[in-house]
């Protein structure tokens, strides 16, 4: 093989190898874009396949692990969702949503103490987020600490007072603590805000 041919062969090989990372990144972005489109359509199975393909091309995408975790969450595959959120956190631990969603998965699996750890981190990073406080309050309530739960529900309501679920959950904690008057006021407010099951709970506990 002529030396000149060998030189050009090696040079072309080097140039080809140098383009592989950019090609992988481009492929990853294309699949991630498809995943978002499928997820917006509610086609979570297709979205999961697209996100997994994206991550095969480039594993170092914290946001893609996060979006994959959401798809697993929506399809009630909580163990897989936890794995995805954990991988997202390992890449980038600066987004409180990663911790909040992992906490929600843990709570769905009734691992409330572990969920609280994640919610505490999310709240520390975003102390004014009413949803993080509400989610943490639910885990406090599930563990039977209704006073701590009410603190979080109080804060959530102070930030957003038109969410019926906040009043319903606080009302049920007040029932557990024997505050029937306060509970019924909350359940009435929950009913007016069209919270799920509020009518039944109001009738059961207050009439």
Protein backbone atom coordinates (compact mmCIF):
# COMPACT_ATOMS: atom_id res chain seq x y z
CA UNK A 1 0.00 0.00 0.00
CA UNK A 2 1.60 3.30 -1.05
CA UNK A 3 2.63 5.53 1.84
CA UNK A 4 0.56 8.42 0.48
CA UNK A 5 -2.56 6.23 0.48
CA UNK A 6 -1.86 5.11 4.05
CA UNK A 7 -1.53 8.74 5.12
CA UNK A 8 -4.88 9.76 3.61
CA UNK A 9 -6.54 6.61 4.98
CA UNK A 10 -5.39 7.41 8.50
CA UNK A 11 -6.37 11.05 8.13
CA UNK A 12 -9.90 10.17 6.99
CA UNK A 13 -10.24 7.70 9.87
CA UNK A 14 -9.23 10.36 12.37
CA UNK A 15 -11.68 12.85 10.89
CA UNK A 16 -14.46 10.27 11.00
CA UNK A 17 -13.79 9.44 14.64
CA UNK A 18 -13.75 13.13 15.53
CA UNK A 19 -17.29 13.52 14.19
CA UNK A 20 -18.75 10.60 16.18
CA UNK A 21 -19.42 12.54 19.41
CA UNK A 22 -21.28 15.27 17.54
CA UNK A 23 -23.26 12.66 15.59
CA UNK A 24 -24.20 10.91 18.85
CA UNK A 25 -25.26 14.22 20.40
CA UNK A 26 -27.35 15.06 17.35
CA UNK A 27 -29.01 11.64 17.42
CA UNK A 28 -29.70 12.02 21.15
CA UNK A 29 -31.35 15.39 20.60
CA UNK A 30 -33.52 14.05 17.80
CA UNK A 31 -34.81 11.18 19.90
CA UNK A 32 -35.32 13.45 22.91
CA UNK A 33 -37.39 15.81 20.75
CA UNK A 34 -39.52 12.87 19.60
CA UNK A 35 -39.96 11.81 23.22
CA UNK A 36 -41.30 15.24 24.18
CA UNK A 37 -43.73 15.21 21.27
CA UNK A 38 -45.05 11.77 22.21
CA UNK A 39 -45.33 12.75 25.87
CA UNK A 40 -47.34 15.87 25.01
CA UNK A 41 -49.74 13.62 23.09
CA UNK A 42 -50.09 11.34 26.12
CA UNK A 43 -48.37 8.48 24.27
CA UNK A 44 -46.05 7.63 27.14
CA UNK A 45 -45.00 4.20 25.87
CA UNK A 46 -43.69 5.72 22.64
CA UNK A 47 -42.10 8.56 24.61
CA UNK A 48 -40.30 6.07 26.84
CA UNK A 49 -38.87 4.29 23.79
CA UNK A 50 -37.71 7.58 22.28
CA UNK A 51 -36.08 8.79 25.51
CA UNK A 52 -34.34 5.45 26.01
CA UNK A 53 -32.99 5.68 22.44
CA UNK A 54 -31.77 9.19 23.18
CA UNK A 55 -29.96 8.00 26.29
CA UNK A 56 -28.35 5.13 24.41
CA UNK A 57 -26.80 7.74 22.16
CA UNK A 58 -25.78 9.97 25.06
CA UNK A 59 -26.20 8.87 28.70
CA UNK A 60 -25.07 12.20 30.10
CA UNK A 61 -28.37 14.08 29.72
CA UNK A 62 -29.83 14.89 33.11
CA UNK A 63 -32.95 16.47 31.67
CA UNK A 64 -33.66 13.43 29.46
CA UNK A 65 -33.38 11.08 32.44
CA UNK A 66 -35.83 13.43 34.18
CA UNK A 67 -38.35 13.41 31.32
CA UNK A 68 -38.06 9.63 31.09
CA UNK A 69 -38.76 9.46 34.82
CA UNK A 70 -41.91 11.52 34.37
CA UNK A 71 -43.15 9.09 31.71
CA UNK A 72 -42.52 6.18 34.06
CA UNK A 73 -44.32 8.10 36.81
CA UNK A 74 -47.34 8.73 34.60
CA UNK A 75 -47.50 5.01 33.72
CA UNK A 76 -47.16 4.07 37.43
CA UNK A 77 -43.76 2.42 36.97
CA UNK A 78 -42.43 4.00 40.12
CA UNK A 79 -39.29 1.92 40.63
CA UNK A 80 -38.13 2.72 37.10
CA UNK A 81 -39.04 6.37 37.62
CA UNK A 82 -36.94 6.49 40.79
CA UNK A 83 -34.00 5.05 38.87
CA UNK A 84 -34.36 7.74 36.19
CA UNK A 85 -34.65 10.60 38.68
CA UNK A 86 -31.66 9.26 40.62
CA UNK A 87 -29.60 9.25 37.42
CA UNK A 88 -30.74 12.79 36.64
CA UNK A 89 -29.66 13.91 40.11
CA UNK A 90 -26.28 12.20 39.70
CA UNK A 91 -25.67 14.31 36.59
CA UNK A 92 -27.13 17.54 37.94
CA UNK A 93 -28.27 17.93 41.54
CA UNK A 94 -29.35 21.54 41.21
CA UNK A 95 -32.96 21.11 40.09
CA UNK A 96 -35.50 20.73 42.92
CA UNK A 97 -38.02 19.13 40.55
CA UNK A 98 -35.80 16.05 40.31
CA UNK A 99 -36.02 15.58 44.08
CA UNK A 100 -39.72 16.41 44.25
CA UNK A 101 -40.65 13.86 41.62
CA UNK A 102 -38.49 11.17 43.18
CA UNK A 103 -40.17 11.94 46.49
CA UNK A 104 -43.58 11.54 44.87
CA UNK A 105 -42.56 8.13 43.54
CA UNK A 106 -41.32 7.05 46.96
CA UNK A 107 -44.58 8.23 48.50
CA UNK A 108 -46.58 6.22 45.97
CA UNK A 109 -44.58 3.19 47.14
CA UNK A 110 -45.43 4.16 50.75
CA UNK A 111 -41.80 4.92 51.54
CA UNK A 112 -42.79 8.13 53.26
CA UNK A 113 -39.67 8.69 55.36
CA UNK A 114 -37.46 8.46 52.25
CA UNK A 115 -39.88 10.72 50.41
CA UNK A 116 -39.53 13.32 53.16
CA UNK A 117 -35.77 13.43 52.64
CA UNK A 118 -36.29 14.32 48.98
CA UNK A 119 -39.03 16.82 49.76
CA UNK A 120 -36.80 18.48 52.37
CA UNK A 121 -34.13 18.92 49.72
CA UNK A 122 -36.63 20.33 47.22
CA UNK A 123 -38.04 22.76 49.80
CA UNK A 124 -34.56 23.86 50.83
CA UNK A 125 -33.76 24.65 47.21
CA UNK A 126 -37.11 26.32 46.47
CA UNK A 127 -38.64 27.42 49.81
CA UNK A 128 -41.52 29.35 48.24
CA UNK A 129 -42.81 26.51 46.06
CA UNK A 130 -46.30 25.63 47.32
CA UNK A 131 -46.41 22.28 45.51
CA UNK A 132 -43.26 21.01 47.22
CA UNK A 133 -44.71 21.99 50.58
CA UNK A 134 -48.01 20.31 49.77
CA UNK A 135 -46.34 17.07 48.71
CA UNK A 136 -44.25 17.06 51.87
CA UNK A 137 -47.35 17.67 53.94
CA UNK A 138 -49.01 14.61 52.44
CA UNK A 139 -46.11 12.44 53.56
CA UNK A 140 -46.18 13.95 57.04
CA UNK A 141 -49.89 13.14 57.19
CA UNK A 142 -49.30 9.57 55.96
CA UNK A 143 -46.80 9.12 58.79
CA UNK A 144 -49.37 10.39 61.28
CA UNK A 145 -47.66 13.70 62.07
CA UNK A 146 -50.68 15.87 61.33
CA UNK A 147 -49.29 18.97 63.02
CA UNK A 148 -46.27 19.05 60.72
CA UNK A 149 -48.53 18.33 57.77
CA UNK A 150 -50.76 21.28 58.64
CA UNK A 151 -47.72 23.58 58.73
CA UNK A 152 -46.94 22.66 55.14
CA UNK A 153 -50.58 22.91 54.06
CA UNK A 154 -50.84 26.32 55.74
CA UNK A 155 -47.84 27.53 53.76
CA UNK A 156 -49.15 26.08 50.49
CA UNK A 157 -52.48 27.86 51.01
CA UNK A 158 -50.71 31.12 51.84
CA UNK A 159 -48.99 30.90 48.45
CA UNK A 160 -51.98 29.70 46.43
CA UNK A 161 -55.37 29.89 48.12
CA UNK A 162 -57.48 28.65 45.21
CA UNK A 163 -56.44 24.99 45.27
CA UNK A 164 -59.14 22.80 46.75
CA UNK A 165 -56.84 19.85 47.43
CA UNK A 166 -54.87 21.94 49.92
CA UNK A 167 -57.99 22.62 52.00
CA UNK A 168 -59.23 19.04 51.77
CA UNK A 169 -55.92 17.65 52.99
CA UNK A 170 -55.65 20.19 55.79
CA UNK A 171 -59.23 19.49 56.79
CA UNK A 172 -58.56 15.76 57.11
CA UNK A 173 -55.56 16.48 59.33
CA UNK A 174 -57.74 18.64 61.54
CA UNK A 175 -60.24 15.78 61.78
CA UNK A 176 -57.42 13.53 62.98
CA UNK A 177 -56.48 16.13 65.60
CA UNK A 178 -60.08 16.54 66.81
CA UNK A 179 -60.61 20.03 65.37
CA UNK A 180 -64.01 19.35 63.80
CA UNK A 181 -64.95 23.02 63.41
CA UNK A 182 -61.75 23.92 61.58
CA UNK A 183 -61.94 20.75 59.52
CA UNK A 184 -65.46 21.46 58.33
CA UNK A 185 -64.52 25.00 57.32
CA UNK A 186 -61.67 23.58 55.24
CA UNK A 187 -63.82 20.87 53.69
CA UNK A 188 -66.48 23.42 52.77
CA UNK A 189 -63.83 25.53 51.08
CA UNK A 190 -62.53 22.42 49.32
CA UNK A 191 -66.03 21.70 48.02
CA UNK A 192 -66.40 25.25 46.70
CA UNK A 193 -63.09 24.83 44.88
CA UNK A 194 -64.24 21.50 43.41
CA UNK A 195 -61.69 19.33 45.19
CA UNK A 196 -61.98 15.62 44.57
CA UNK A 197 -64.13 13.78 47.14
CA UNK A 198 -64.81 16.96 49.11
CA UNK A 199 -68.60 16.53 48.99
CA UNK A 200 -68.43 13.03 50.44
CA UNK A 201 -65.96 14.04 53.17
CA UNK A 202 -68.03 17.08 54.14
CA UNK A 203 -71.16 14.93 54.45
CA UNK A 204 -69.34 12.22 56.39
CA UNK A 205 -67.62 14.44 58.95
CA UNK A 206 -69.70 17.58 59.17
CA UNK A 207 -73.39 16.72 58.72
